[in-house]
Amino acid sequence: MIPLPSQRRLHEKLAYSPETGEFRHRLVSGRLGRRAGFLKPDGYRQIKIDGIQYYEHRIAWVYVHGVDPEEMDVDHVNRVRSDNRIENLRLLSHHDNTASRVIGSGSLPRGVVRAKQKGDFYCARLKNRHVGTYPTPEEAHQAYLDAGGSAFT
């Protein structure tokens, strides 16, 4: 993994708004004050610094905390890949980040299945035990967690 620029270098090149998660150029003539980086097709934003492309969420972590997360994943709490507000970012091991991921737009959180023949309801299940039926996947997932389930494997 390519090391991220130092906090000092990031502060020289960019201005960051923790409230919006946006970076603006500081030093590039013609781009001064313009939003840095671009949105990739996969939903992540990237910024080029000194000729190298970096993920914006990883840059935000170093910009604010001053340390390179190195082998840790910088996770988006709300799962919106372009939302790089510092309050929306957290460090997770790659294993925990992968385990907590919702795969695909039609997937449900861990411990939740769609209720059969009940319309738009969701069942919470823990070790093949029915915990309850709920109107939203979020409520079903919370019931699963409350029953002793884990968000991670």
Foldseek 3Di string as FASTA:
>chain_A
DDWDDFLVLCVQAWDADLVQLWIAGPPDPPRHRPTAFDADPVQWTWGADPRDIDTSLQVLCCNPVRDRLVQWDWDQQVNRRHRNRVVRTDTDHPQQRVQLDAPDPPGAAPQWDQDPPPPQKIWGDDPNRTQDIGNDSVVSVVSNVVVPDDSGD
